[in-house]
C-alpha cells in the first residue's frame, strides 16, 4: 500500500521474504514503524526521476535474535547522508532502534541495505 501511495507500483517491485513469526506487540509495532519509514525513504530518495527498481524486506529469527533487512537497488547513500527532508524519519528509526536495544548497520553497495539486529526476550 505504501508503494501505491507514492504512485510507484508500475515501476517499483516489492519483495517480502519472511516466515510466519509470533512477536510481542511491544516489538512488532516499533519494527513495523521502522519498516514503514525505510520503505517511504526508499521511495522518496532511492529512485529519482521515476527510475525503476526493487525494494525488499526480510525478517528472520535465529538464535534468540531477530534480523530485519530492508534493501533497495536505488542510487545508494553514504554512511553520513545529507538530510534531504526534515530528518524526522531518520530520527524516528534511530529512536525506535534504541528503544528495542537494537543494532543498525548500513551497507551501501549497489543500492542501500539497512540491517537491524534485535534480541528476542523469550520467557523461560
PDB file of N, CA and C in Angstrom:
ATOM      1  N   UNK A   1       0.815  -1.201   0.000  1.00  0.00           N
ATOM      2  CA  UNK A   1       0.000   0.000   0.000  1.00  0.00           C
ATOM      3  C   UNK A   1       0.858   1.265   0.000  1.00  0.00           C
ATOM      4  N   UNK A   2       2.023   1.195   0.628  1.00  0.00           N
ATOM      5  CA  UNK A   2       2.900   2.372   0.654  1.00  0.00           C
ATOM      6  C   UNK A   2       3.337   2.718  -0.772  1.00  0.00           C
ATOM      7  N   UNK A   3       3.679   1.708  -1.549  1.00  0.00           N
ATOM      8  CA  UNK A   3       4.126   1.930  -2.926  1.00  0.00           C
ATOM      9  C   UNK A   3       3.007   2.569  -3.744  1.00  0.00           C
ATOM     10  N   UNK A   4       1.766   2.121  -3.535  1.00  0.00           N
ATOM     11  CA  UNK A   4       0.624   2.726  -4.220  1.00  0.00           C
ATOM     12  C   UNK A   4       0.444   4.190  -3.813  1.00  0.00           C
ATOM     13  N   UNK A   5       0.680   4.492  -2.543  1.00  0.00           N
ATOM     14  CA  UNK A   5       0.553   5.868  -2.055  1.00  0.00           C
ATOM     15  C   UNK A   5       1.510   6.802  -2.784  1.00  0.00           C
ATOM     16  N   UNK A   6       2.683   6.279  -3.135  1.00  0.00           N
ATOM     17  CA  UNK A   6       3.675   7.077  -3.870  1.00  0.00           C
ATOM     18  C   UNK A   6       3.474   6.976  -5.381  1.00  0.00           C
ATOM     19  N   UNK A   7       2.396   6.320  -5.795  1.00  0.00           N
ATOM     20  CA  UNK A   7       2.075   6.131  -7.215  1.00  0.00           C
ATOM     21  C   UNK A   7       3.259   5.524  -7.963  1.00  0.00           C
ATOM     22  N   UNK A   8       3.861   4.480  -7.357  1.00  0.00           N
ATOM     23  CA  UNK A   8       5.068   3.879  -7.923  1.00  0.00           C
ATOM     24  C   UNK A   8       4.913   2.397  -8.218  1.00  0.00           C
ATOM     25  N   UNK A   9       3.701   1.872  -8.139  1.00  0.00           N
ATOM     26  CA  UNK A   9       3.515   0.425  -8.306  1.00  0.00           C
ATOM     27  C   UNK A   9       3.859  -0.072  -9.707  1.00  0.00           C
ATOM     28  N   UNK A  10       3.887   0.810 -10.684  1.00  0.00           N
ATOM     29  CA  UNK A  10       4.239   0.397 -12.041  1.00  0.00           C
ATOM     30  C   UNK A  10       5.748   0.367 -12.280  1.00  0.00           C
ATOM     31  N   UNK A  11       6.547   0.919 -11.349  1.00  0.00           N
ATOM     32  CA  UNK A  11       7.991   0.971 -11.556  1.00  0.00           C
ATOM     33  C   UNK A  11       8.822   0.408 -10.409  1.00  0.00           C
ATOM     34  N   UNK A  12       8.201   0.158  -9.249  1.00  0.00           N
ATOM     35  CA  UNK A  12       8.912  -0.387  -8.100  1.00  0.00           C
ATOM     36  C   UNK A  12       8.351  -1.770  -7.768  1.00  0.00           C
ATOM     37  N   UNK A  13       9.223  -2.766  -7.772  1.00  0.00           N
ATOM     38  CA  UNK A  13       8.838  -4.128  -7.403  1.00  0.00           C
ATOM     39  C   UNK A  13       9.136  -4.309  -5.914  1.00  0.00           C
ATOM     40  N   UNK A  14       8.185  -4.855  -5.184  1.00  0.00           N
ATOM     41  CA  UNK A  14       8.361  -5.080  -3.753  1.00  0.00           C
ATOM     42  C   UNK A  14       8.495  -6.575  -3.502  1.00  0.00           C
ATOM     43  N   UNK A  15       9.525  -6.947  -2.755  1.00  0.00           N
ATOM     44  CA  UNK A  15       9.785  -8.349  -2.445  1.00  0.00           C
ATOM     45  C   UNK A  15       9.841  -8.510  -0.925  1.00  0.00           C
ATOM     46  N   UNK A  16       9.024  -9.394  -0.415  1.00  0.00           N
ATOM     47  CA  UNK A  16       8.986  -9.651   1.028  1.00  0.00           C
ATOM     48  C   UNK A  16       9.328 -11.109   1.266  1.00  0.00           C
ATOM     49  N   UNK A  17      10.317 -11.339   2.124  1.00  0.00           N
ATOM     50  CA  UNK A  17      10.774 -12.701   2.384  1.00  0.00           C
ATOM     51  C   UNK A  17      10.788 -12.929   3.892  1.00  0.00           C
ATOM     52  N   UNK A  18       9.800 -13.678   4.374  1.00  0.00           N
ATOM     53  CA  UNK A  18       9.769 -13.980   5.801  1.00  0.00           C
ATOM     54  C   UNK A  18       8.853 -15.152   6.102  1.00  0.00           C
ATOM     55  N   UNK A  19       9.262 -15.884   7.117  1.00  0.00           N
ATOM     56  CA  UNK A  19       8.446 -16.968   7.652  1.00  0.00           C
ATOM     57  C   UNK A  19       7.488 -16.361   8.676  1.00  0.00           C
ATOM     58  N   UNK A  20       6.359 -17.017   8.912  1.00  0.00           N
ATOM     59  CA  UNK A  20       5.463 -16.506   9.972  1.00  0.00           C
ATOM     60  C   UNK A  20       6.177 -16.488  11.321  1.00  0.00           C
ATOM     61  N   UNK A  21       6.036 -15.385  12.033  1.00  0.00           N
ATOM     62  CA  UNK A  21       6.642 -15.215  13.355  1.00  0.00           C
ATOM     63  C   UNK A  21       5.589 -14.706  14.324  1.00  0.00           C
ATOM     64  N   UNK A  22       5.699 -15.121  15.559  1.00  0.00           N
ATOM     65  CA  UNK A  22       4.876 -14.565  16.614  1.00  0.00           C
ATOM     66  C   UNK A  22       5.736 -13.609  17.411  1.00  0.00           C
ATOM     67  N   UNK A  23       5.373 -12.333  17.369  1.00  0.00           N
ATOM     68  CA  UNK A  23       6.131 -11.317  18.085  1.00  0.00           C
ATOM     69  C   UNK A  23       5.235 -10.612  19.085  1.00  0.00           C
ATOM     70  N   UNK A  24       5.825 -10.222  20.202  1.00  0.00           N
ATOM     71  CA  UNK A  24       5.138  -9.416  21.185  1.00  0.00           C
ATOM     72  C   UNK A  24       4.798  -8.077  20.542  1.00  0.00           C
ATOM     73  N   UNK A  25       3.657  -7.511  20.889  1.00  0.00           N
ATOM     74  CA  UNK A  25       3.216  -6.252  20.300  1.00  0.00           C
ATOM     75  C   UNK A  25       4.222  -5.130  20.573  1.00  0.00           C
ATOM     76  N   UNK A  26       4.917  -5.182  21.718  1.00  0.00           N
ATOM     77  CA  UNK A  26       5.917  -4.164  22.038  1.00  0.00           C
ATOM     78  C   UNK A  26       7.131  -4.226  21.114  1.00  0.00           C
ATOM     79  N   UNK A  27       7.307  -5.318  20.426  1.00  0.00           N
ATOM     80  CA  UNK A  27       8.382  -5.469  19.435  1.00  0.00           C
ATOM     81  C   UNK A  27       7.830  -5.274  18.021  1.00  0.00           C
ATOM     82  N   UNK A  28       6.647  -5.827  17.774  1.00  0.00           N
ATOM     83  CA  UNK A  28       6.069  -5.796  16.425  1.00  0.00           C
ATOM     84  C   UNK A  28       5.748  -4.373  15.952  1.00  0.00           C
ATOM     85  N   UNK A  29       5.187  -3.551  16.819  1.00  0.00           N
ATOM     86  CA  UNK A  29       4.801  -2.202  16.396  1.00  0.00           C
ATOM     87  C   UNK A  29       6.013  -1.343  16.045  1.00  0.00           C
ATOM     88  N   UNK A  30       7.041  -1.272  16.906  1.00  0.00           N
ATOM     89  CA  UNK A  30       8.218  -0.479  16.502  1.00  0.00           C
ATOM     90  C   UNK A  30       8.884  -1.007  15.231  1.00  0.00           C
ATOM     91  N   UNK A  31       8.947  -2.320  15.053  1.00  0.00           N
ATOM     92  CA  UNK A  31       9.532  -2.869  13.827  1.00  0.00           C
ATOM     93  C   UNK A  31       8.694  -2.468  12.619  1.00  0.00           C
ATOM     94  N   UNK A  32       7.384  -2.510  12.762  1.00  0.00           N
ATOM     95  CA  UNK A  32       6.509  -2.068  11.671  1.00  0.00           C
ATOM     96  C   UNK A  32       6.726  -0.608  11.320  1.00  0.00           C
ATOM     97  N   UNK A  33       6.909   0.238  12.325  1.00  0.00           N
ATOM     98  CA  UNK A  33       7.173   1.658  12.078  1.00  0.00           C
ATOM     99  C   UNK A  33       8.516   1.862  11.380  1.00  0.00           C
ATOM    100  N   UNK A  34       9.525   1.101  11.805  1.00  0.00           N
ATOM    101  CA  UNK A  34      10.845   1.182  11.162  1.00  0.00           C
ATOM    102  C   UNK A  34      10.740   0.799   9.690  1.00  0.00           C
ATOM    103  N   UNK A  35      10.072  -0.316   9.409  1.00  0.00           N
ATOM    104  CA  UNK A  35       9.926  -0.784   8.024  1.00  0.00           C
ATOM    105  C   UNK A  35       9.171   0.252   7.192  1.00  0.00           C
ATOM    106  N   UNK A  36       8.092   0.790   7.739  1.00  0.00           N
ATOM    107  CA  UNK A  36       7.311   1.804   7.032  1.00  0.00           C
ATOM    108  C   UNK A  36       8.170   3.014   6.677  1.00  0.00           C
ATOM    109  N   UNK A  37       8.960   3.501   7.625  1.00  0.00           N
ATOM    110  CA  UNK A  37       9.836   4.652   7.382  1.00  0.00           C
ATOM    111  C   UNK A  37      10.877   4.353   6.316  1.00  0.00           C
ATOM    112  N   UNK A  38      11.490   3.172   6.399  1.00  0.00           N
ATOM    113  CA  UNK A  38      12.545   2.835   5.433  1.00  0.00           C
ATOM    114  C   UNK A  38      11.993   2.659   4.021  1.00  0.00           C
ATOM    115  N   UNK A  39      10.836   2.052   3.897  1.00  0.00           N
ATOM    116  CA  UNK A  39      10.221   1.919   2.569  1.00  0.00           C
ATOM    117  C   UNK A  39       9.873   3.308   2.029  1.00  0.00           C
ATOM    118  N   UNK A  40       9.309   4.150   2.875  1.00  0.00           N
ATOM    119  CA  UNK A  40       8.985   5.521   2.450  1.00  0.00           C
ATOM    120  C   UNK A  40      10.233   6.268   2.011  1.00  0.00           C
ATOM    121  N   UNK A  41      11.327   6.133   2.782  1.00  0.00           N
ATOM    122  CA  UNK A  41      12.584   6.801   2.414  1.00  0.00           C
ATOM    123  C   UNK A  41      13.115   6.283   1.084  1.00  0.00           C
ATOM    124  N   UNK A  42      13.042   4.979   0.862  1.00  0.00           N
ATOM    125  CA  UNK A  42      13.478   4.428  -0.425  1.00  0.00           C
ATOM    126  C   UNK A  42      12.662   5.017  -1.564  1.00  0.00           C
ATOM    127  N   UNK A  43      11.366   5.071  -1.383  1.00  0.00           N
ATOM    128  CA  UNK A  43      10.506   5.600  -2.441  1.00  0.00           C
ATOM    129  C   UNK A  43      10.773   7.080  -2.703  1.00  0.00           C
ATOM    130  N   UNK A  44      11.117   7.834  -1.669  1.00  0.00           N
ATOM    131  CA  UNK A  44      11.371   9.277  -1.827  1.00  0.00           C
ATOM    132  C   UNK A  44      12.741   9.570  -2.434  1.00  0.00           C
ATOM    133  N   UNK A  45      13.765   8.784  -2.053  1.00  0.00           N
ATOM    134  CA  UNK A  45      15.135   9.186  -2.367  1.00  0.00           C
ATOM    135  C   UNK A  45      15.945   8.212  -3.220  1.00  0.00           C
ATOM    136  N   UNK A  46      15.604   6.930  -3.222  1.00  0.00           N
ATOM    137  CA  UNK A  46      16.455   5.944  -3.896  1.00  0.00           C
ATOM    138  C   UNK A  46      16.229   5.868  -5.402  1.00  0.00           C
ATOM    139  N   UNK A  47      15.091   6.331  -5.860  1.00  0.00           N
ATOM    140  CA  UNK A  47      14.747   6.191  -7.277  1.00  0.00           C
ATOM    141  C   UNK A  47      14.344   7.531  -7.879  1.00  0.00           C
ATOM    142  N   UNK A  48      15.321   8.462  -7.996  1.00  0.00           N
ATOM    143  CA  UNK A  48      14.993   9.783  -8.544  1.00  0.00           C
ATOM    144  C   UNK A  48      14.581   9.695 -10.013  1.00  0.00           C
ATOM    145  N   UNK A  49      13.879  10.705 -10.442  1.00  0.00           N
ATOM    146  CA  UNK A  49      13.452  10.816 -11.840  1.00  0.00           C
ATOM    147  C   UNK A  49      12.657   9.606 -12.290  1.00  0.00           C
ATOM    148  N   UNK A  50      11.841   9.069 -11.376  1.00  0.00           N
ATOM    149  CA  UNK A  50      10.942   7.940 -11.666  1.00  0.00           C
ATOM    150  C   UNK A  50      11.667   6.699 -12.176  1.00  0.00           C
ATOM    151  N   UNK A  51      12.851   6.443 -11.652  1.00  0.00           N
ATOM    152  CA  UNK A  51      13.593   5.233 -12.016  1.00  0.00           C
ATOM    153  C   UNK A  51      12.848   3.989 -11.565  1.00  0.00           C
ATOM    154  N   UNK A  52      13.121   2.907 -12.253  1.00  0.00           N
ATOM    155  CA  UNK A  52      12.565   1.609 -11.884  1.00  0.00           C
ATOM    156  C   UNK A  52      13.487   0.980 -10.845  1.00  0.00           C
ATOM    157  N   UNK A  53      12.940   0.115  -9.996  1.00  0.00           N
ATOM    158  CA  UNK A  53      13.774  -0.539  -9.005  1.00  0.00           C
ATOM    159  C   UNK A  53      13.026  -1.552  -8.169  1.00  0.00           C
ATOM    160  N   UNK A  54      13.713  -1.993  -7.135  1.00  0.00           N
ATOM    161  CA  UNK A  54      13.178  -3.016  -6.250  1.00  0.00           C
ATOM    162  C   UNK A  54      13.460  -2.655  -4.797  1.00  0.00           C
ATOM    163  N   UNK A  55      12.478  -2.909  -3.955  1.00  0.00           N
ATOM    164  CA  UNK A  55      12.610  -2.751  -2.509  1.00  0.00           C
ATOM    165  C   UNK A  55      12.308  -4.103  -1.889  1.00  0.00           C
ATOM    166  N   UNK A  56      13.149  -4.515  -0.945  1.00  0.00           N
ATOM    167  CA  UNK A  56      12.945  -5.806  -0.299  1.00  0.00           C
ATOM    168  C   UNK A  56      12.934  -5.686   1.211  1.00  0.00           C
ATOM    169  N   UNK A  57      12.153  -6.540   1.843  1.00  0.00           N
ATOM    170  CA  UNK A  57      12.097  -6.621   3.303  1.00  0.00           C
ATOM    171  C   UNK A  57      12.222  -8.083   3.682  1.00  0.00           C
ATOM    172  N   UNK A  58      13.117  -8.334   4.623  1.00  0.00           N
ATOM    173  CA  UNK A  58      13.334  -9.706   5.095  1.00  0.00           C
ATOM    174  C   UNK A  58      13.401  -9.677   6.616  1.00  0.00           C
ATOM    175  N   UNK A  59      12.712 -10.607   7.254  1.00  0.00           N
ATOM    176  CA  UNK A  59      12.704 -10.710   8.703  1.00  0.00           C
ATOM    177  C   UNK A  59      12.966 -12.168   9.065  1.00  0.00           C
ATOM    178  N   UNK A  60      14.026 -12.393   9.851  1.00  0.00           N
ATOM    179  CA  UNK A  60      14.453 -13.753  10.173  1.00  0.00           C
ATOM    180  C   UNK A  60      14.726 -13.861  11.669  1.00  0.00           C
ATOM    181  N   UNK A  61      14.271 -14.943  12.263  1.00  0.00           N
ATOM    182  CA  UNK A  61      14.591 -15.235  13.664  1.00  0.00           C
ATOM    183  C   UNK A  61      15.663 -16.311  13.690  1.00  0.00           C
ATOM    184  N   UNK A  62      16.738 -16.044  14.451  1.00  0.00           N
ATOM    185  CA  UNK A  62      17.831 -17.006  14.546  1.00  0.00           C
ATOM    186  C   UNK A  62      18.537 -16.844  15.884  1.00  0.00           C
ATOM    187  N   UNK A  63      18.671 -17.932  16.613  1.00  0.00           N
ATOM    188  CA  UNK A  63      19.418 -17.955  17.874  1.00  0.00           C
ATOM    189  C   UNK A  63      19.011 -16.830  18.826  1.00  0.00           C
ATOM    190  N   UNK A  64      17.726 -16.723  19.108  1.00  0.00           N
ATOM    191  CA  UNK A  64      17.184 -15.708  20.028  1.00  0.00           C
ATOM    192  C   UNK A  64      17.421 -14.276  19.559  1.00  0.00           C
ATOM    193  N   UNK A  65      17.657 -14.105  18.270  1.00  0.00           N
ATOM    194  CA  UNK A  65      17.803 -12.777  17.690  1.00  0.00           C
ATOM    195  C   UNK A  65      16.855 -12.640  16.506  1.00  0.00           C
ATOM    196  N   UNK A  66      16.454 -11.433  16.262  1.00  0.00           N
ATOM    197  CA  UNK A  66      15.608 -11.121  15.128  1.00  0.00           C
ATOM    198  C   UNK A  66      16.412 -10.227  14.203  1.00  0.00           C
ATOM    199  N   UNK A  67      16.514 -10.613  12.949  1.00  0.00           N
ATOM    200  CA  UNK A  67      17.260  -9.841  11.956  1.00  0.00           C
ATOM    201  C   UNK A  67      16.271  -9.267  10.945  1.00  0.00           C
ATOM    202  N   UNK A  68      16.307  -7.962  10.791  1.00  0.00           N
ATOM    203  CA  UNK A  68      15.467  -7.251   9.843  1.00  0.00           C
ATOM    204  C   UNK A  68      16.368  -6.622   8.799  1.00  0.00           C
ATOM    205  N   UNK A  69      16.083  -6.871   7.525  1.00  0.00           N
ATOM    206  CA  UNK A  69      16.840  -6.285   6.431  1.00  0.00           C
ATOM    207  C   UNK A  69      15.879  -5.570   5.485  1.00  0.00           C
ATOM    208  N   UNK A  70      16.138  -4.311   5.247  1.00  0.00           N
ATOM    209  CA  UNK A  70      15.355  -3.538   4.283  1.00  0.00           C
ATOM    210  C   UNK A  70      16.349  -3.053   3.235  1.00  0.00           C
ATOM    211  N   UNK A  71      16.104  -3.433   1.987  1.00  0.00           N
ATOM    212  CA  UNK A  71      17.054  -3.145   0.915  1.00  0.00           C
ATOM    213  C   UNK A  71      16.362  -2.465  -0.260  1.00  0.00           C
ATOM    214  N   UNK A  72      17.157  -1.751  -1.035  1.00  0.00           N
ATOM    215  CA  UNK A  72      16.696  -1.255  -2.331  1.00  0.00           C
ATOM    216  C   UNK A  72      17.883  -1.255  -3.284  1.00  0.00           C
ATOM    217  N   UNK A  73      17.599  -1.261  -4.560  1.00  0.00           N
ATOM    218  CA  UNK A  73      18.661  -1.215  -5.560  1.00  0.00           C
ATOM    219  C   UNK A  73      18.707   0.159  -6.235  1.00  0.00           C
ATOM    220  N   UNK A  74      18.457   1.173  -5.429  1.00  0.00           N
ATOM    221  CA  UNK A  74      18.437   2.544  -5.918  1.00  0.00           C
ATOM    222  C   UNK A  74      19.825   3.155  -6.013  1.00  0.00           C
ATOM    223  N   UNK A  75      19.878   4.475  -5.910  1.00  0.00           N
ATOM    224  CA  UNK A  75      21.124   5.214  -6.121  1.00  0.00           C
ATOM    225  C   UNK A  75      22.121   5.077  -4.976  1.00  0.00           C
ATOM    226  N   UNK A  76      21.692   4.519  -3.863  1.00  0.00           N
ATOM    227  CA  UNK A  76      22.596   4.309  -2.729  1.00  0.00           C
ATOM    228  C   UNK A  76      22.720   5.558  -1.880  1.00  0.00           C
ATOM    229  N   UNK A  77      23.366   5.373  -0.738  1.00  0.00           N
ATOM    230  CA  UNK A  77      23.586   6.501   0.161  1.00  0.00           C
ATOM    231  C   UNK A  77      24.893   6.292   0.903  1.00  0.00           C
ATOM    232  N   UNK A  78      25.398   7.361   1.466  1.00  0.00           N
ATOM    233  CA  UNK A  78      26.639   7.275   2.222  1.00  0.00           C
ATOM    234  C   UNK A  78      26.321   6.962   3.679  1.00  0.00           C
ATOM    235  N   UNK A  79      27.355   6.641   4.458  1.00  0.00           N
ATOM    236  CA  UNK A  79      27.136   6.333   5.869  1.00  0.00           C
ATOM    237  C   UNK A  79      26.750   7.579   6.666  1.00  0.00           C
ATOM    238  N   UNK A  80      26.985   8.761   6.120  1.00  0.00           N
ATOM    239  CA  UNK A  80      26.589  10.018   6.761  1.00  0.00           C
ATOM    240  C   UNK A  80      25.847  10.867   5.727  1.00  0.00           C
ATOM    241  N   UNK A  81      24.631  10.415   5.359  1.00  0.00           N
ATOM    242  CA  UNK A  81      23.932  11.084   4.260  1.00  0.00           C
ATOM    243  C   UNK A  81      23.442  12.473   4.657  1.00  0.00           C
ATOM    244  N   UNK A  82      23.352  13.366   3.687  1.00  0.00           N
ATOM    245  CA  UNK A  82      22.772  14.675   3.979  1.00  0.00           C
ATOM    246  C   UNK A  82      21.285  14.507   4.263  1.00  0.00           C
ATOM    247  N   UNK A  83      20.746  15.325   5.120  1.00  0.00           N
ATOM    248  CA  UNK A  83      19.321  15.251   5.434  1.00  0.00           C
ATOM    249  C   UNK A  83      18.572  15.970   4.321  1.00  0.00           C
ATOM    250  N   UNK A  84      17.741  15.209   3.601  1.00  0.00           N
ATOM    251  CA  UNK A  84      17.032  15.774   2.464  1.00  0.00           C
ATOM    252  C   UNK A  84      15.655  16.297   2.845  1.00  0.00           C
ATOM    253  N   UNK A  85      15.034  15.686   3.821  1.00  0.00           N
ATOM    254  CA  UNK A  85      13.731  16.161   4.278  1.00  0.00           C
ATOM    255  C   UNK A  85      13.896  16.843   5.621  1.00  0.00           C
ATOM    256  N   UNK A  86      12.962  16.565   6.520  1.00  0.00           N
ATOM    257  CA  UNK A  86      13.031  17.154   7.861  1.00  0.00           C
ATOM    258  C   UNK A  86      13.992  16.389   8.754  1.00  0.00           C
ATOM    259  N   UNK A  87      14.300  15.141   8.384  1.00  0.00           N
ATOM    260  CA  UNK A  87      15.148  14.312   9.226  1.00  0.00           C
ATOM    261  C   UNK A  87      14.363  13.578  10.292  1.00  0.00           C
ATOM    262  N   UNK A  88      13.054  13.827  10.354  1.00  0.00           N
ATOM    263  CA  UNK A  88      12.217  13.204  11.378  1.00  0.00           C
ATOM    264  C   UNK A  88      12.183  11.685  11.222  1.00  0.00           C
ATOM    265  N   UNK A  89      12.063  11.199   9.995  1.00  0.00           N
ATOM    266  CA  UNK A  89      12.005   9.754   9.763  1.00  0.00           C
ATOM    267  C   UNK A  89      13.279   9.052  10.195  1.00  0.00           C
ATOM    268  N   UNK A  90      14.417   9.644   9.873  1.00  0.00           N
ATOM    269  CA  UNK A  90      15.707   9.076  10.267  1.00  0.00           C
ATOM    270  C   UNK A  90      15.849   9.055  11.781  1.00  0.00           C
ATOM    271  N   UNK A  91      15.430  10.126  12.429  1.00  0.00           N
ATOM    272  CA  UNK A  91      15.497  10.191  13.891  1.00  0.00           C
ATOM    273  C   UNK A  91      14.536   9.187  14.521  1.00  0.00           C
ATOM    274  N   UNK A  92      13.357   9.016  13.927  1.00  0.00           N
ATOM    275  CA  UNK A  92      12.391   8.032  14.425  1.00  0.00           C
ATOM    276  C   UNK A  92      12.976   6.623  14.355  1.00  0.00           C
ATOM    277  N   UNK A  93      13.615   6.293  13.241  1.00  0.00           N
ATOM    278  CA  UNK A  93      14.241   4.971  13.085  1.00  0.00           C
ATOM    279  C   UNK A  93      15.315   4.778  14.148  1.00  0.00           C
ATOM    280  N   UNK A  94      16.128   5.793  14.369  1.00  0.00           N
ATOM    281  CA  UNK A  94      17.190   5.699  15.370  1.00  0.00           C
ATOM    282  C   UNK A  94      16.609   5.498  16.768  1.00  0.00           C
ATOM    283  N   UNK A  95      15.595   6.274  17.118  1.00  0.00           N
ATOM    284  CA  UNK A  95      14.987   6.177  18.443  1.00  0.00           C
ATOM    285  C   UNK A  95      14.310   4.822  18.673  1.00  0.00           C
ATOM    286  N   UNK A  96      13.627   4.321  17.661  1.00  0.00           N
ATOM    287  CA  UNK A  96      12.973   3.013  17.788  1.00  0.00           C
ATOM    288  C   UNK A  96      14.003   1.897  17.936  1.00  0.00           C
ATOM    289  N   UNK A  97      15.114   2.016  17.225  1.00  0.00           N
ATOM    290  CA  UNK A  97      16.186   1.027  17.342  1.00  0.00           C
ATOM    291  C   UNK A  97      16.763   1.044  18.753  1.00  0.00           C
ATOM    292  N   UNK A  98      16.975   2.233  19.295  1.00  0.00           N
ATOM    293  CA  UNK A  98      17.478   2.363  20.667  1.00  0.00           C
ATOM    294  C   UNK A  98      16.452   1.803  21.655  1.00  0.00           C
ATOM    295  N   UNK A  99      15.184   2.128  21.441  1.00  0.00           N
ATOM    296  CA  UNK A  99      14.106   1.641  22.317  1.00  0.00           C
ATOM    297  C   UNK A  99      14.111   0.118  22.398  1.00  0.00           C
ATOM    298  N   UNK A 100      14.401  -0.536  21.277  1.00  0.00           N
ATOM    299  CA  UNK A 100      14.414  -2.003  21.228  1.00  0.00           C
ATOM    300  C   UNK A 100      15.782  -2.566  21.569  1.00  0.00           C
ATOM    301  N   UNK A 101      16.703  -1.708  21.966  1.00  0.00           N
ATOM    302  CA  UNK A 101      18.073  -2.112  22.291  1.00  0.00           C
ATOM    303  C   UNK A 101      18.691  -2.877  21.114  1.00  0.00           C
ATOM    304  N   UNK A 102      18.452  -2.340  19.916  1.00  0.00           N
ATOM    305  CA  UNK A 102      18.911  -2.995  18.703  1.00  0.00           C
ATOM    306  C   UNK A 102      20.178  -2.387  18.153  1.00  0.00           C
ATOM    307  N   UNK A 103      20.666  -3.025  17.134  1.00  0.00           N
ATOM    308  CA  UNK A 103      21.875  -2.570  16.440  1.00  0.00           C
ATOM    309  C   UNK A 103      21.508  -2.379  14.971  1.00  0.00           C
ATOM    310  N   UNK A 104      21.923  -1.269  14.392  1.00  0.00           N
ATOM    311  CA  UNK A 104      21.619  -0.956  13.000  1.00  0.00           C
ATOM    312  C   UNK A 104      22.915  -0.825  12.220  1.00  0.00           C
ATOM    313  N   UNK A 105      22.945  -1.442  11.032  1.00  0.00           N
ATOM    314  CA  UNK A 105      24.110  -1.388  10.166  1.00  0.00           C
ATOM    315  C   UNK A 105      23.668  -0.947   8.772  1.00  0.00           C
ATOM    316  N   UNK A 106      24.423  -0.035   8.186  1.00  0.00           N
ATOM    317  CA  UNK A 106      24.155   0.447   6.833  1.00  0.00           C
ATOM    318  C   UNK A 106      25.162  -0.151   5.869  1.00  0.00           C
ATOM    319  N   UNK A 107      24.664  -0.705   4.772  1.00  0.00           N
ATOM    320  CA  UNK A 107      25.522  -1.180   3.687  1.00  0.00           C
ATOM    321  C   UNK A 107      25.081  -0.467   2.420  1.00  0.00           C
ATOM    322  N   UNK A 108      25.997   0.205   1.769  1.00  0.00           N
ATOM    323  CA  UNK A 108      25.652   0.965   0.566  1.00  0.00           C
ATOM    324  C   UNK A 108      26.471   0.466  -0.613  1.00  0.00           C
ATOM    325  N   UNK A 109      26.086  -0.687  -1.129  1.00  0.00           N
ATOM    326  CA  UNK A 109      26.725  -1.256  -2.316  1.00  0.00           C
ATOM    327  C   UNK A 109      25.615  -1.678  -3.265  1.00  0.00           C
ATOM    328  N   UNK A 110      25.606  -1.103  -4.450  1.00  0.00           N
ATOM    329  CA  UNK A 110      24.557  -1.379  -5.432  1.00  0.00           C
ATOM    330  C   UNK A 110      23.175  -1.128  -4.838  1.00  0.00           C
ATOM    331  N   UNK A 111      23.015   0.034  -4.247  1.00  0.00           N
ATOM    332  CA  UNK A 111      21.776   0.386  -3.575  1.00  0.00           C
ATOM    333  C   UNK A 111      22.047   0.575  -2.099  1.00  0.00           C
ATOM    334  N   UNK A 112      21.032   0.365  -1.299  1.00  0.00           N
ATOM    335  CA  UNK A 112      21.158   0.539   0.144  1.00  0.00           C
ATOM    336  C   UNK A 112      20.555  -0.654   0.852  1.00  0.00           C
ATOM    337  N   UNK A 113      21.240  -1.131   1.879  1.00  0.00           N
ATOM    338  CA  UNK A 113      20.711  -2.182   2.748  1.00  0.00           C
ATOM    339  C   UNK A 113      20.887  -1.703   4.182  1.00  0.00           C
ATOM    340  N   UNK A 114      19.830  -1.741   4.920  1.00  0.00           N
ATOM    341  CA  UNK A 114      19.897  -1.407   6.340  1.00  0.00           C
ATOM    342  C   UNK A 114      19.488  -2.654   7.099  1.00  0.00           C
ATOM    343  N   UNK A 115      20.380  -3.089   7.978  1.00  0.00           N
ATOM    344  CA  UNK A 115      20.204  -4.349   8.692  1.00  0.00           C
ATOM    345  C   UNK A 115      20.109  -4.057  10.182  1.00  0.00           C
ATOM    346  N   UNK A 116      19.118  -4.639  10.809  1.00  0.00           N
ATOM    347  CA  UNK A 116      18.894  -4.472  12.239  1.00  0.00           C
ATOM    348  C   UNK A 116      19.018  -5.821  12.916  1.00  0.00           C
ATOM    349  N   UNK A 117      19.538  -5.790  14.130  1.00  0.00           N
ATOM    350  CA  UNK A 117      19.583  -6.993  14.961  1.00  0.00           C
ATOM    351  C   UNK A 117      18.931  -6.645  16.300  1.00  0.00           C
ATOM    352  N   UNK A 118      17.935  -7.439  16.674  1.00  0.00           N
ATOM    353  CA  UNK A 118      17.246  -7.256  17.929  1.00  0.00           C
ATOM    354  C   UNK A 118      17.296  -8.553  18.711  1.00  0.00           C
ATOM    355  N   UNK A 119      17.493  -8.452  20.010  1.00  0.00           N
ATOM    356  CA  UNK A 119      17.492  -9.631  20.861  1.00  0.00           C
ATOM    357  C   UNK A 119      16.052  -9.940  21.230  1.00  0.00           C
ATOM    358  N   UNK A 120      15.662 -11.198  21.082  1.00  0.00           N
ATOM    359  CA  UNK A 120      14.321 -11.612  21.475  1.00  0.00           C
ATOM    360  C   UNK A 120      14.345 -12.020  22.936  1.00  0.00           C
ATOM    361  N   UNK A 121      13.541 -11.360  23.734  1.00  0.00           N
ATOM    362  CA  UNK A 121      13.445 -11.718  25.152  1.00  0.00           C
ATOM    363  C   UNK A 121      12.406 -12.800  25.303  1.00  0.00           C
ATOM    364  N   UNK A 122      12.867 -14.025  25.356  1.00  0.00           N
ATOM    365  CA  UNK A 122      11.963 -15.166  25.468  1.00  0.00           C
ATOM    366  C   UNK A 122      11.729 -15.469  26.955  1.00  0.00           C
ATOM    367  N   UNK A 123      10.475 -15.723  27.279  1.00  0.00           N
ATOM    368  CA  UNK A 123      10.161 -16.112  28.655  1.00  0.00           C
ATOM    369  C   UNK A 123      10.620 -17.543  28.883  1.00  0.00           C
ATOM    370  N   UNK A 124      11.168 -17.792  30.059  1.00  0.00           N
ATOM    371  CA  UNK A 124      11.665 -19.144  30.375  1.00  0.00           C
ATOM    372  C   UNK A 124      10.547 -20.047  30.798  1.00  0.00           C
TER     373      UNK A 124
END
